[in-house]
Amino acid sequence: MLSVNSNVGANAGMLAMRNAIASKNTAVERLSSGFRINSAADDAAGKAVVGKLDVDQHQEYAAKYGVRNIPTVLLFDKGELVGRQVGVAPKKAYADALDALL
């Protein structure tokens, strides 16, 4: 699973909180979404590879995979794109998508 998210890095939590104050719900959704994805990734440890990509710094991948909204979660199986979740989803949606591929 590849999670494409603009809030990547050591200070992502602080950035998200600062954005939450500035733009209210949007940044809160990003922070919440990141937590859900990370939590699902922890549950799938050893069974799936989860990565995040800063689409602001890697715009070629955003273009290649048609990422227009954040968060966008792309699911790959054997290197092939097999699924996509656009927007915030419950942890169960991410976990179910991973389980379907395992």
Protein backbone atom coordinates (compact mmCIF):
# COMPACT_ATOMS: atom_id res chain seq x y z
CA MET A 1 0.00 0.00 0.00
CA LEU A 2 1.33 3.43 -0.84
CA SER A 3 -0.13 6.32 1.04
CA VAL A 4 0.37 9.57 -0.79
CA ASN A 5 0.19 12.35 1.76
CA SER A 6 1.53 15.90 1.84
CA ASN A 7 2.19 15.89 5.60
CA VAL A 8 5.28 13.68 5.69
CA GLY A 9 8.37 14.04 7.83
CA ALA A 10 9.52 14.39 11.38
CA ASN A 11 7.45 17.50 12.01
CA ALA A 12 4.28 16.27 10.33
CA GLY A 13 2.29 16.20 13.57
CA MET A 14 3.26 19.75 14.49
CA LEU A 15 2.55 20.94 10.96
CA ALA A 16 -0.86 19.27 11.01
CA MET A 17 -1.72 20.85 14.36
CA ARG A 18 -0.63 24.28 13.15
CA ASN A 19 -2.72 23.82 10.01
CA ALA A 20 -5.66 22.70 12.14
CA ILE A 21 -5.61 26.03 13.91
CA ALA A 22 -5.32 27.91 10.62
CA SER A 23 -7.76 25.94 8.50
CA LYS A 24 -9.85 24.07 11.08
CA ASN A 25 -11.28 20.76 9.79
CA THR A 26 -9.05 20.22 6.76
CA ALA A 27 -5.82 19.72 8.72
CA VAL A 28 -7.61 17.79 11.45
CA GLU A 29 -8.82 15.38 8.76
CA ARG A 30 -5.26 15.04 7.42
CA LEU A 31 -3.85 14.31 10.87
CA SER A 32 -6.67 11.88 11.60
CA SER A 33 -6.25 10.17 8.25
CA GLY A 34 -2.51 9.78 8.78
CA PHE A 35 -3.11 8.17 12.15
CA ARG A 36 -5.63 5.72 10.67
CA ILE A 37 -3.29 4.73 7.85
CA ASN A 38 -0.35 4.34 10.24
CA SER A 39 -2.46 2.25 12.59
CA ALA A 40 -3.60 -0.05 9.77
CA ALA A 41 0.03 -0.28 8.62
CA ASP A 42 1.14 -1.31 12.12
CA ASP A 43 -1.47 -4.07 12.12
CA ALA A 44 -0.18 -5.35 8.76
CA ALA A 45 3.51 -5.20 9.74
CA GLY A 46 5.46 -8.04 8.17
CA LYS A 47 2.66 -8.72 5.68
CA ALA A 48 2.55 -5.50 3.66
CA VAL A 49 4.78 -2.56 2.83
CA VAL A 50 3.35 0.87 3.61
CA GLY A 51 5.01 4.03 2.39
CA LYS A 52 4.21 7.71 2.30
CA LEU A 53 5.20 10.16 -0.36
CA ASP A 54 5.23 13.95 -0.20
CA VAL A 55 3.39 14.83 -3.41
CA ASP A 56 4.57 18.44 -3.23
CA GLN A 57 8.17 17.27 -3.58
CA HIS A 58 7.43 14.35 -5.94
CA GLN A 59 4.87 15.81 -8.32
CA GLU A 60 5.80 13.31 -11.05
CA TYR A 61 4.22 10.49 -9.00
CA ALA A 62 1.11 12.53 -8.28
CA ALA A 63 0.76 13.06 -12.03
CA LYS A 64 1.57 9.45 -12.91
CA TYR A 65 -1.10 8.08 -10.55
CA GLY A 66 -3.65 10.88 -10.96
CA VAL A 67 -3.49 12.09 -7.37
CA ARG A 68 -5.58 15.24 -7.09
CA ASN A 69 -6.72 15.07 -3.47
CA ILE A 70 -4.99 14.44 -0.18
CA PRO A 71 -5.14 11.95 1.33
CA THR A 72 -5.07 9.44 -1.51
CA VAL A 73 -4.21 5.85 -0.70
CA LEU A 74 -3.02 3.67 -3.57
CA LEU A 75 -2.98 -0.10 -3.25
CA PHE A 76 -0.45 -2.12 -5.22
CA ASP A 77 -0.22 -5.86 -5.65
CA LYS A 78 2.98 -7.21 -7.23
CA GLY A 79 3.81 -3.70 -8.44
CA GLU A 80 0.47 -3.14 -10.13
CA LEU A 81 -2.05 -0.51 -9.01
CA VAL A 82 -5.15 -2.44 -7.88
CA GLY A 83 -7.03 -0.01 -5.66
CA ARG A 84 -7.49 3.59 -4.61
CA GLN A 85 -9.09 5.37 -1.65
CA VAL A 86 -9.53 9.12 -2.03
CA GLY A 87 -10.35 11.13 1.04
CA VAL A 88 -10.46 10.27 4.70
CA ALA A 89 -11.73 6.79 5.53
CA PRO A 90 -12.12 4.81 8.75
CA LYS A 91 -9.20 2.61 9.81
CA LYS A 92 -11.34 -0.44 9.02
CA ALA A 93 -11.54 0.59 5.35
CA TYR A 94 -7.74 0.65 5.10
CA ALA A 95 -7.39 -2.61 7.04
CA ASP A 96 -10.05 -4.33 4.90
CA ALA A 97 -8.34 -3.17 1.69
CA LEU A 98 -5.02 -4.59 2.92
CA ASP A 99 -6.61 -7.84 4.09
CA ALA A 100 -8.23 -8.33 0.69
CA LEU A 101 -4.78 -8.32 -0.90
CA LEU A 102 -3.10 -10.60 1.63
